[in-house]
Amino acid sequence: MSERERERERTRERTRKRARESRRETARERERAEERERESERVGERAHERENARQRARERESEREQERESKRERARELARERARESERARERERFHSLRVD
């Protein structure tokens, strides 16, 4: 094999080596891009999950507030009922006191 043929062979080998390295680097870049995309999806999913959790918390708080308001309304209704009963009792007392006199 002449010097020129050996040089051509070395050149071809360097070219093949650069091509292999280029393909490897391209594959690594593609893998990194895919990993970034997967991470972005995970971040998006976590953000979505956090928003869902906040929404559920708002709904639970709203339900608790409705329950509290319902209890307050019931307490007001009971107070009004007690006031009516008390007024009726006073009326009976007054009626009985008038009859006795």
PDB file of N, CA and C in Angstrom:
ATOM      1  N   MET A   1       0.861  -1.172   0.000  1.00  0.00           N
ATOM      2  CA  MET A   1       0.000   0.000   0.000  1.00  0.00           C
ATOM      3  C   MET A   1       0.902   1.228   0.000  1.00  0.00           C
ATOM      4  N   SER A   2       0.643   2.111  -0.906  1.00  0.00           N
ATOM      5  CA  SER A   2       1.482   3.294  -1.025  1.00  0.00           C
ATOM      6  C   SER A   2       1.138   4.308   0.063  1.00  0.00           C
ATOM      7  N   GLU A   3       2.008   5.274   0.220  1.00  0.00           N
ATOM      8  CA  GLU A   3       1.798   6.333   1.216  1.00  0.00           C
ATOM      9  C   GLU A   3       0.508   7.076   0.924  1.00  0.00           C
ATOM     10  N   ARG A   4       0.246   7.328  -0.326  1.00  0.00           N
ATOM     11  CA  ARG A   4      -0.969   8.032  -0.723  1.00  0.00           C
ATOM     12  C   ARG A   4      -2.206   7.223  -0.338  1.00  0.00           C
ATOM     13  N   GLU A   5      -2.212   5.937  -0.544  1.00  0.00           N
ATOM     14  CA  GLU A   5      -3.344   5.084  -0.178  1.00  0.00           C
ATOM     15  C   GLU A   5      -3.530   5.061   1.331  1.00  0.00           C
ATOM     16  N   ARG A   6      -2.401   4.962   2.062  1.00  0.00           N
ATOM     17  CA  ARG A   6      -2.493   4.979   3.533  1.00  0.00           C
ATOM     18  C   ARG A   6      -3.093   6.308   4.015  1.00  0.00           C
ATOM     19  N   GLU A   7      -2.655   7.406   3.422  1.00  0.00           N
ATOM     20  CA  GLU A   7      -3.178   8.732   3.784  1.00  0.00           C
ATOM     21  C   GLU A   7      -4.670   8.805   3.489  1.00  0.00           C
ATOM     22  N   ARG A   8      -5.082   8.287   2.320  1.00  0.00           N
ATOM     23  CA  ARG A   8      -6.513   8.272   1.995  1.00  0.00           C
ATOM     24  C   ARG A   8      -7.284   7.433   3.006  1.00  0.00           C
ATOM     25  N   GLU A   9      -6.736   6.298   3.401  1.00  0.00           N
ATOM     26  CA  GLU A   9      -7.388   5.424   4.378  1.00  0.00           C
ATOM     27  C   GLU A   9      -7.519   6.140   5.727  1.00  0.00           C
ATOM     28  N   ARG A  10      -6.444   6.814   6.159  1.00  0.00           N
ATOM     29  CA  ARG A  10      -6.499   7.568   7.429  1.00  0.00           C
ATOM     30  C   ARG A  10      -7.563   8.675   7.330  1.00  0.00           C
ATOM     31  N   THR A  11      -7.601   9.338   6.180  1.00  0.00           N
ATOM     32  CA  THR A  11      -8.594  10.405   5.979  1.00  0.00           C
ATOM     33  C   THR A  11     -10.006   9.829   6.052  1.00  0.00           C
ATOM     34  N   ARG A  12     -10.222   8.702   5.377  1.00  0.00           N
ATOM     35  CA  ARG A  12     -11.548   8.057   5.433  1.00  0.00           C
ATOM     36  C   ARG A  12     -11.890   7.657   6.865  1.00  0.00           C
ATOM     37  N   GLU A  13     -10.898   7.122   7.589  1.00  0.00           N
ATOM     38  CA  GLU A  13     -11.143   6.712   8.979  1.00  0.00           C
ATOM     39  C   GLU A  13     -11.486   7.920   9.849  1.00  0.00           C
ATOM     40  N   ARG A  14     -10.751   9.018   9.656  1.00  0.00           N
ATOM     41  CA  ARG A  14     -11.071  10.240  10.426  1.00  0.00           C
ATOM     42  C   ARG A  14     -12.481  10.728  10.078  1.00  0.00           C
ATOM     43  N   THR A  15     -12.828  10.663   8.816  1.00  0.00           N
ATOM     44  CA  THR A  15     -14.164  11.088   8.376  1.00  0.00           C
ATOM     45  C   THR A  15     -15.229  10.201   9.005  1.00  0.00           C
ATOM     46  N   ARG A  16     -15.007   8.885   8.991  1.00  0.00           N
ATOM     47  CA  ARG A  16     -15.971   7.961   9.623  1.00  0.00           C
ATOM     48  C   ARG A  16     -16.071   8.228  11.125  1.00  0.00           C
ATOM     49  N   LYS A  17     -14.905   8.470  11.742  1.00  0.00           N
ATOM     50  CA  LYS A  17     -14.891   8.744  13.189  1.00  0.00           C
ATOM     51  C   LYS A  17     -15.682  10.023  13.491  1.00  0.00           C
ATOM     52  N   ARG A  18     -15.442  11.083  12.691  1.00  0.00           N
ATOM     53  CA  ARG A  18     -16.198  12.331  12.900  1.00  0.00           C
ATOM     54  C   ARG A  18     -17.696  12.108  12.683  1.00  0.00           C
ATOM     55  N   ALA A  19     -18.038  11.313  11.688  1.00  0.00           N
ATOM     56  CA  ALA A  19     -19.459  11.039  11.408  1.00  0.00           C
ATOM     57  C   ALA A  19     -20.079  10.274  12.567  1.00  0.00           C
ATOM     58  N   ARG A  20     -19.346   9.259  13.106  1.00  0.00           N
ATOM     59  CA  ARG A  20     -19.868   8.508  14.268  1.00  0.00           C
ATOM     60  C   ARG A  20     -20.061   9.439  15.459  1.00  0.00           C
ATOM     61  N   GLU A  21     -19.056  10.273  15.712  1.00  0.00           N
ATOM     62  CA  GLU A  21     -19.146  11.203  16.845  1.00  0.00           C
ATOM     63  C   GLU A  21     -20.295  12.188  16.630  1.00  0.00           C
ATOM     64  N   SER A  22     -20.471  12.643  15.422  1.00  0.00           N
ATOM     65  CA  SER A  22     -21.560  13.566  15.113  1.00  0.00           C
ATOM     66  C   SER A  22     -22.905  12.887  15.354  1.00  0.00           C
ATOM     67  N   ARG A  23     -23.051  11.626  14.924  1.00  0.00           N
ATOM     68  CA  ARG A  23     -24.305  10.897  15.166  1.00  0.00           C
ATOM     69  C   ARG A  23     -24.538  10.710  16.665  1.00  0.00           C
ATOM     70  N   ARG A  24     -23.458  10.386  17.397  1.00  0.00           N
ATOM     71  CA  ARG A  24     -23.606  10.224  18.857  1.00  0.00           C
ATOM     72  C   ARG A  24     -24.048  11.531  19.502  1.00  0.00           C
ATOM     73  N   GLU A  25     -23.398  12.626  19.091  1.00  0.00           N
ATOM     74  CA  GLU A  25     -23.753  13.923  19.669  1.00  0.00           C
ATOM     75  C   GLU A  25     -25.193  14.286  19.313  1.00  0.00           C
ATOM     76  N   THR A  26     -25.603  14.010  18.098  1.00  0.00           N
ATOM     77  CA  THR A  26     -26.986  14.270  17.687  1.00  0.00           C
ATOM     78  C   THR A  26     -27.947  13.445  18.541  1.00  0.00           C
ATOM     79  N   ALA A  27     -27.596  12.181  18.772  1.00  0.00           N
ATOM     80  CA  ALA A  27     -28.444  11.323  19.603  1.00  0.00           C
ATOM     81  C   ALA A  27     -28.497  11.857  21.032  1.00  0.00           C
ATOM     82  N   ARG A  28     -27.349  12.305  21.565  1.00  0.00           N
ATOM     83  CA  ARG A  28     -27.332  12.871  22.926  1.00  0.00           C
ATOM     84  C   ARG A  28     -28.185  14.131  22.993  1.00  0.00           C
ATOM     85  N   GLU A  29     -28.063  14.990  21.977  1.00  0.00           N
ATOM     86  CA  GLU A  29     -28.878  16.216  21.954  1.00  0.00           C
ATOM     87  C   GLU A  29     -30.363  15.880  21.887  1.00  0.00           C
ATOM     88  N   ARG A  30     -30.709  14.894  21.076  1.00  0.00           N
ATOM     89  CA  ARG A  30     -32.108  14.488  20.965  1.00  0.00           C
ATOM     90  C   ARG A  30     -32.603  13.958  22.312  1.00  0.00           C
ATOM     91  N   GLU A  31     -31.778  13.146  22.982  1.00  0.00           N
ATOM     92  CA  GLU A  31     -32.164  12.606  24.292  1.00  0.00           C
ATOM     93  C   GLU A  31     -32.340  13.734  25.314  1.00  0.00           C
ATOM     94  N   ARG A  32     -31.409  14.704  25.291  1.00  0.00           N
ATOM     95  CA  ARG A  32     -31.547  15.843  26.217  1.00  0.00           C
ATOM     96  C   ARG A  32     -32.819  16.632  25.915  1.00  0.00           C
ATOM     97  N   ALA A  33     -33.113  16.829  24.642  1.00  0.00           N
ATOM     98  CA  ALA A  33     -34.335  17.558  24.260  1.00  0.00           C
ATOM     99  C   ALA A  33     -35.572  16.791  24.713  1.00  0.00           C
ATOM    100  N   GLU A  34     -35.552  15.475  24.526  1.00  0.00           N
ATOM    101  CA  GLU A  34     -36.695  14.668  24.966  1.00  0.00           C
ATOM    102  C   GLU A  34     -36.839  14.719  26.478  1.00  0.00           C
ATOM    103  N   GLU A  35     -35.715  14.689  27.197  1.00  0.00           N
ATOM    104  CA  GLU A  35     -35.768  14.763  28.665  1.00  0.00           C
ATOM    105  C   GLU A  35     -36.311  16.120  29.102  1.00  0.00           C
ATOM    106  N   ARG A  36     -35.873  17.194  28.433  1.00  0.00           N
ATOM    107  CA  ARG A  36     -36.415  18.526  28.770  1.00  0.00           C
ATOM    108  C   ARG A  36     -37.916  18.560  28.524  1.00  0.00           C
ATOM    109  N   GLU A  37     -38.347  17.949  27.429  1.00  0.00           N
ATOM    110  CA  GLU A  37     -39.776  17.917  27.119  1.00  0.00           C
ATOM    111  C   GLU A  37     -40.544  17.123  28.177  1.00  0.00           C
ATOM    112  N   ARG A  38     -39.981  15.968  28.565  1.00  0.00           N
ATOM    113  CA  ARG A  38     -40.644  15.166  29.613  1.00  0.00           C
ATOM    114  C   ARG A  38     -40.699  15.944  30.925  1.00  0.00           C
ATOM    115  N   GLU A  39     -39.602  16.622  31.259  1.00  0.00           N
ATOM    116  CA  GLU A  39     -39.580  17.410  32.498  1.00  0.00           C
ATOM    117  C   GLU A  39     -40.595  18.540  32.405  1.00  0.00           C
ATOM    118  N   SER A  40     -40.682  19.169  31.257  1.00  0.00           N
ATOM    119  CA  SER A  40     -41.652  20.245  31.062  1.00  0.00           C
ATOM    120  C   SER A  40     -43.068  19.709  31.259  1.00  0.00           C
ATOM    121  N   GLU A  41     -43.327  18.517  30.726  1.00  0.00           N
ATOM    122  CA  GLU A  41     -44.652  17.912  30.912  1.00  0.00           C
ATOM    123  C   GLU A  41     -44.901  17.626  32.384  1.00  0.00           C
ATOM    124  N   ARG A  42     -43.857  17.107  33.076  1.00  0.00           N
ATOM    125  CA  ARG A  42     -44.024  16.823  34.515  1.00  0.00           C
ATOM    126  C   ARG A  42     -44.294  18.104  35.277  1.00  0.00           C
ATOM    127  N   VAL A  43     -43.557  19.164  34.939  1.00  0.00           N
ATOM    128  CA  VAL A  43     -43.777  20.456  35.601  1.00  0.00           C
ATOM    129  C   VAL A  43     -45.191  20.941  35.314  1.00  0.00           C
ATOM    130  N   GLY A  44     -45.611  20.814  34.057  1.00  0.00           N
ATOM    131  CA  GLY A  44     -46.976  21.224  33.701  1.00  0.00           C
ATOM    132  C   GLY A  44     -48.016  20.405  34.435  1.00  0.00           C
ATOM    133  N   GLU A  45     -47.771  19.108  34.544  1.00  0.00           N
ATOM    134  CA  GLU A  45     -48.706  18.246  35.269  1.00  0.00           C
ATOM    135  C   GLU A  45     -48.740  18.630  36.743  1.00  0.00           C
ATOM    136  N   ARG A  46     -47.556  18.912  37.312  1.00  0.00           N
ATOM    137  CA  ARG A  46     -47.532  19.309  38.727  1.00  0.00           C
ATOM    138  C   ARG A  46     -48.263  20.632  38.918  1.00  0.00           C
ATOM    139  N   ALA A  47     -48.067  21.553  37.991  1.00  0.00           N
ATOM    140  CA  ALA A  47     -48.780  22.836  38.084  1.00  0.00           C
ATOM    141  C   ALA A  47     -50.284  22.597  37.986  1.00  0.00           C
ATOM    142  N   HIS A  48     -50.670  21.718  37.083  1.00  0.00           N
ATOM    143  CA  HIS A  48     -52.092  21.389  36.924  1.00  0.00           C
ATOM    144  C   HIS A  48     -52.614  20.742  38.208  1.00  0.00           C
ATOM    145  N   GLU A  49     -51.831  19.827  38.775  1.00  0.00           N
ATOM    146  CA  GLU A  49     -52.241  19.178  40.021  1.00  0.00           C
ATOM    147  C   GLU A  49     -52.356  20.191  41.150  1.00  0.00           C
ATOM    148  N   ARG A  50     -51.392  21.137  41.215  1.00  0.00           N
ATOM    149  CA  ARG A  50     -51.472  22.170  42.263  1.00  0.00           C
ATOM    150  C   ARG A  50     -52.724  23.019  42.079  1.00  0.00           C
ATOM    151  N   GLU A  51     -53.022  23.390  40.846  1.00  0.00           N
ATOM    152  CA  GLU A  51     -54.225  24.193  40.588  1.00  0.00           C
ATOM    153  C   GLU A  51     -55.478  23.415  40.964  1.00  0.00           C
ATOM    154  N   ASN A  52     -55.494  22.121  40.627  1.00  0.00           N
ATOM    155  CA  ASN A  52     -56.641  21.292  41.014  1.00  0.00           C
ATOM    156  C   ASN A  52     -56.768  21.232  42.535  1.00  0.00           C
ATOM    157  N   ALA A  53     -55.642  21.089  43.225  1.00  0.00           N
ATOM    158  CA  ALA A  53     -55.668  21.037  44.688  1.00  0.00           C
ATOM    159  C   ALA A  53     -56.183  22.360  45.248  1.00  0.00           C
ATOM    160  N   ARG A  54     -55.715  23.477  44.667  1.00  0.00           N
ATOM    161  CA  ARG A  54     -56.215  24.791  45.130  1.00  0.00           C
ATOM    162  C   ARG A  54     -57.710  24.902  44.891  1.00  0.00           C
ATOM    163  N   GLN A  55     -58.167  24.439  43.743  1.00  0.00           N
ATOM    164  CA  GLN A  55     -59.599  24.493  43.432  1.00  0.00           C
ATOM    165  C   GLN A  55     -60.389  23.646  44.425  1.00  0.00           C
ATOM    166  N   ARG A  56     -59.897  22.432  44.711  1.00  0.00           N
ATOM    167  CA  ARG A  56     -60.594  21.584  45.688  1.00  0.00           C
ATOM    168  C   ARG A  56     -60.611  22.254  47.064  1.00  0.00           C
ATOM    169  N   ALA A  57     -59.509  22.899  47.432  1.00  0.00           N
ATOM    170  CA  ALA A  57     -59.459  23.596  48.721  1.00  0.00           C
ATOM    171  C   ALA A  57     -60.476  24.738  48.742  1.00  0.00           C
ATOM    172  N   ARG A  58     -60.562  25.488  47.628  1.00  0.00           N
ATOM    173  CA  ARG A  58     -61.564  26.572  47.567  1.00  0.00           C
ATOM    174  C   ARG A  58     -62.969  26.007  47.692  1.00  0.00           C
ATOM    175  N   GLU A  59     -63.212  24.881  47.008  1.00  0.00           N
ATOM    176  CA  GLU A  59     -64.540  24.264  47.084  1.00  0.00           C
ATOM    177  C   GLU A  59     -64.846  23.798  48.499  1.00  0.00           C
ATOM    178  N   ARG A  60     -63.858  23.167  49.154  1.00  0.00           N
ATOM    179  CA  ARG A  60     -64.081  22.715  50.542  1.00  0.00           C
ATOM    180  C   ARG A  60     -64.336  23.909  51.460  1.00  0.00           C
ATOM    181  N   GLU A  61     -63.572  24.980  51.279  1.00  0.00           N
ATOM    182  CA  GLU A  61     -63.775  26.168  52.108  1.00  0.00           C
ATOM    183  C   GLU A  61     -65.160  26.757  51.858  1.00  0.00           C
ATOM    184  N   SER A  62     -65.584  26.778  50.614  1.00  0.00           N
ATOM    185  CA  SER A  62     -66.911  27.284  50.280  1.00  0.00           C
ATOM    186  C   SER A  62     -67.983  26.422  50.944  1.00  0.00           C
ATOM    187  N   GLU A  63     -67.796  25.112  50.893  1.00  0.00           N
ATOM    188  CA  GLU A  63     -68.760  24.212  51.545  1.00  0.00           C
ATOM    189  C   GLU A  63     -68.794  24.459  53.048  1.00  0.00           C
ATOM    190  N   ARG A  64     -67.603  24.615  53.648  1.00  0.00           N
ATOM    191  CA  ARG A  64     -67.557  24.878  55.100  1.00  0.00           C
ATOM    192  C   ARG A  64     -68.240  26.201  55.427  1.00  0.00           C
ATOM    193  N   GLU A  65     -68.010  27.219  54.595  1.00  0.00           N
ATOM    194  CA  GLU A  65     -68.654  28.518  54.826  1.00  0.00           C
ATOM    195  C   GLU A  65     -70.167  28.388  54.701  1.00  0.00           C
ATOM    196  N   GLN A  66     -70.636  27.610  53.729  1.00  0.00           N
ATOM    197  CA  GLN A  66     -72.078  27.395  53.588  1.00  0.00           C
ATOM    198  C   GLN A  66     -72.631  26.678  54.818  1.00  0.00           C
ATOM    199  N   GLU A  67     -71.866  25.692  55.314  1.00  0.00           N
ATOM    200  CA  GLU A  67     -72.303  24.985  56.527  1.00  0.00           C
ATOM    201  C   GLU A  67     -72.367  25.943  57.713  1.00  0.00           C
ATOM    202  N   ARG A  68     -71.322  26.805  57.835  1.00  0.00           N
ATOM    203  CA  ARG A  68     -71.323  27.777  58.941  1.00  0.00           C
ATOM    204  C   ARG A  68     -72.506  28.727  58.821  1.00  0.00           C
ATOM    205  N   GLU A  69     -72.772  29.208  57.612  1.00  0.00           N
ATOM    206  CA  GLU A  69     -73.896  30.121  57.407  1.00  0.00           C
ATOM    207  C   GLU A  69     -75.210  29.415  57.713  1.00  0.00           C
ATOM    208  N   SER A  70     -75.319  28.162  57.320  1.00  0.00           N
ATOM    209  CA  SER A  70     -76.522  27.394  57.602  1.00  0.00           C
ATOM    210  C   SER A  70     -76.714  27.258  59.117  1.00  0.00           C
ATOM    211  N   LYS A  71     -75.633  26.997  59.842  1.00  0.00           N
ATOM    212  CA  LYS A  71     -75.720  26.888  61.305  1.00  0.00           C
ATOM    213  C   LYS A  71     -76.100  28.228  61.924  1.00  0.00           C
ATOM    214  N   ARG A  72     -75.512  29.320  61.390  1.00  0.00           N
ATOM    215  CA  ARG A  72     -75.873  30.642  61.918  1.00  0.00           C
ATOM    216  C   ARG A  72     -77.352  30.924  61.673  1.00  0.00           C
ATOM    217  N   GLU A  73     -77.830  30.592  60.486  1.00  0.00           N
ATOM    218  CA  GLU A  73     -79.248  30.811  60.171  1.00  0.00           C
ATOM    219  C   GLU A  73     -80.128  29.973  61.094  1.00  0.00           C
ATOM    220  N   ARG A  74     -79.734  28.732  61.313  1.00  0.00           N
ATOM    221  CA  ARG A  74     -80.498  27.858  62.218  1.00  0.00           C
ATOM    222  C   ARG A  74     -80.497  28.447  63.625  1.00  0.00           C
ATOM    223  N   ALA A  75     -79.343  28.966  64.072  1.00  0.00           N
ATOM    224  CA  ALA A  75     -79.270  29.575  65.406  1.00  0.00           C
ATOM    225  C   ALA A  75     -80.173  30.805  65.480  1.00  0.00           C
ATOM    226  N   ARG A  76     -80.197  31.616  64.414  1.00  0.00           N
ATOM    227  CA  ARG A  76     -81.087  32.791  64.400  1.00  0.00           C
ATOM    228  C   ARG A  76     -82.544  32.356  64.451  1.00  0.00           C
ATOM    229  N   GLU A  77     -82.861  31.305  63.685  1.00  0.00           N
ATOM    230  CA  GLU A  77     -84.235  30.796  63.683  1.00  0.00           C
ATOM    231  C   GLU A  77     -84.617  30.292  65.078  1.00  0.00           C
ATOM    232  N   LEU A  78     -83.717  29.560  65.719  1.00  0.00           N
ATOM    233  CA  LEU A  78     -83.998  29.082  67.078  1.00  0.00           C
ATOM    234  C   LEU A  78     -84.169  30.245  68.045  1.00  0.00           C
ATOM    235  N   ALA A  79     -83.346  31.291  67.890  1.00  0.00           N
ATOM    236  CA  ALA A  79     -83.462  32.468  68.756  1.00  0.00           C
ATOM    237  C   ALA A  79     -84.820  33.141  68.544  1.00  0.00           C
ATOM    238  N   ARG A  80     -85.228  33.253  67.284  1.00  0.00           N
ATOM    239  CA  ARG A  80     -86.550  33.845  67.009  1.00  0.00           C
ATOM    240  C   ARG A  80     -87.658  32.987  67.622  1.00  0.00           C
ATOM    241  N   GLU A  81     -87.523  31.674  67.493  1.00  0.00           N
ATOM    242  CA  GLU A  81     -88.524  30.766  68.071  1.00  0.00           C
ATOM    243  C   GLU A  81     -88.564  30.922  69.587  1.00  0.00           C
ATOM    244  N   ARG A  82     -87.391  31.001  70.219  1.00  0.00           N
ATOM    245  CA  ARG A  82     -87.367  31.194  71.686  1.00  0.00           C
ATOM    246  C   ARG A  82     -88.001  32.527  72.055  1.00  0.00           C
ATOM    247  N   ALA A  83     -87.737  33.563  71.257  1.00  0.00           N
ATOM    248  CA  ALA A  83     -88.336  34.878  71.529  1.00  0.00           C
ATOM    249  C   ALA A  83     -89.850  34.798  71.398  1.00  0.00           C
ATOM    250  N   ARG A  84     -90.347  34.094  70.380  1.00  0.00           N
ATOM    251  CA  ARG A  84     -91.806  33.942  70.229  1.00  0.00           C
ATOM    252  C   ARG A  84     -92.392  33.173  71.416  1.00  0.00           C
ATOM    253  N   GLU A  85     -91.704  32.084  71.817  1.00  0.00           N
ATOM    254  CA  GLU A  85     -92.168  31.303  72.969  1.00  0.00           C
ATOM    255  C   GLU A  85     -92.187  32.168  74.222  1.00  0.00           C
ATOM    256  N   SER A  86     -91.121  32.945  74.386  1.00  0.00           N
ATOM    257  CA  SER A  86     -91.049  33.821  75.561  1.00  0.00           C
ATOM    258  C   SER A  86     -92.185  34.841  75.529  1.00  0.00           C
ATOM    259  N   GLU A  87     -92.434  35.401  74.358  1.00  0.00           N
ATOM    260  CA  GLU A  87     -93.539  36.369  74.228  1.00  0.00           C
ATOM    261  C   GLU A  87     -94.878  35.704  74.525  1.00  0.00           C
ATOM    262  N   ARG A  88     -95.087  34.487  74.019  1.00  0.00           N
ATOM    263  CA  ARG A  88     -96.331  33.771  74.308  1.00  0.00           C
ATOM    264  C   ARG A  88     -96.460  33.498  75.809  1.00  0.00           C
ATOM    265  N   ALA A  89     -95.338  33.153  76.430  1.00  0.00           N
ATOM    266  CA  ALA A  89     -95.373  32.886  77.877  1.00  0.00           C
ATOM    267  C   ALA A  89     -95.754  34.167  78.627  1.00  0.00           C
ATOM    268  N   ARG A  90     -95.170  35.289  78.204  1.00  0.00           N
ATOM    269  CA  ARG A  90     -95.527  36.560  78.856  1.00  0.00           C
ATOM    270  C   ARG A  90     -97.005  36.871  78.644  1.00  0.00           C
ATOM    271  N   GLU A  91     -97.519  36.611  77.435  1.00  0.00           N
ATOM    272  CA  GLU A  91     -98.940  36.844  77.155  1.00  0.00           C
ATOM    273  C   GLU A  91     -99.807  35.972  78.053  1.00  0.00           C
ATOM    274  N   ARG A  92     -99.433  34.705  78.210  1.00  0.00           N
ATOM    275  CA  ARG A  92    -100.209  33.809  79.087  1.00  0.00           C
ATOM    276  C   ARG A  92    -100.185  34.325  80.520  1.00  0.00           C
ATOM    277  N   GLU A  93     -98.986  34.757  80.968  1.00  0.00           N
ATOM    278  CA  GLU A  93     -98.877  35.305  82.326  1.00  0.00           C
ATOM    279  C   GLU A  93     -99.797  36.511  82.496  1.00  0.00           C
ATOM    280  N   ARG A  94     -99.747  37.393  81.516  1.00  0.00           N
ATOM    281  CA  ARG A  94    -100.580  38.590  81.588  1.00  0.00           C
ATOM    282  C   ARG A  94    -102.064  38.206  81.582  1.00  0.00           C
ATOM    283  N   PHE A  95    -102.455  37.254  80.714  1.00  0.00           N
ATOM    284  CA  PHE A  95    -103.845  36.810  80.635  1.00  0.00           C
ATOM    285  C   PHE A  95    -104.276  36.207  81.953  1.00  0.00           C
ATOM    286  N   HIS A  96    -103.400  35.326  82.536  1.00  0.00           N
ATOM    287  CA  HIS A  96    -103.748  34.701  83.803  1.00  0.00           C
ATOM    288  C   HIS A  96    -103.815  35.727  84.921  1.00  0.00           C
ATOM    289  N   SER A  97    -102.924  36.693  84.894  1.00  0.00           N
ATOM    290  CA  SER A  97    -102.948  37.695  85.960  1.00  0.00           C
ATOM    291  C   SER A  97    -104.205  38.565  85.852  1.00  0.00           C
ATOM    292  N   LEU A  98    -104.668  38.790  84.625  1.00  0.00           N
ATOM    293  CA  LEU A  98    -105.883  39.552  84.458  1.00  0.00           C
ATOM    294  C   LEU A  98    -107.101  38.740  84.935  1.00  0.00           C
ATOM    295  N   ARG A  99    -107.087  37.460  84.706  1.00  0.00           N
ATOM    296  CA  ARG A  99    -108.232  36.639  85.109  1.00  0.00           C
ATOM    297  C   ARG A  99    -108.294  36.505  86.622  1.00  0.00           C
ATOM    298  N   VAL A 100    -107.131  36.443  87.255  1.00  0.00           N
ATOM    299  CA  VAL A 100    -107.107  36.256  88.688  1.00  0.00           C
ATOM    300  C   VAL A 100    -107.576  37.534  89.392  1.00  0.00           C
ATOM    301  N   ASP A 101    -107.172  38.653  88.845  1.00  0.00           N
ATOM    302  CA  ASP A 101    -107.551  39.920  89.481  1.00  0.00           C
ATOM    303  C   ASP A 101    -108.983  40.094  89.430  1.00  0.00           C
TER     304      ASP A 101
END
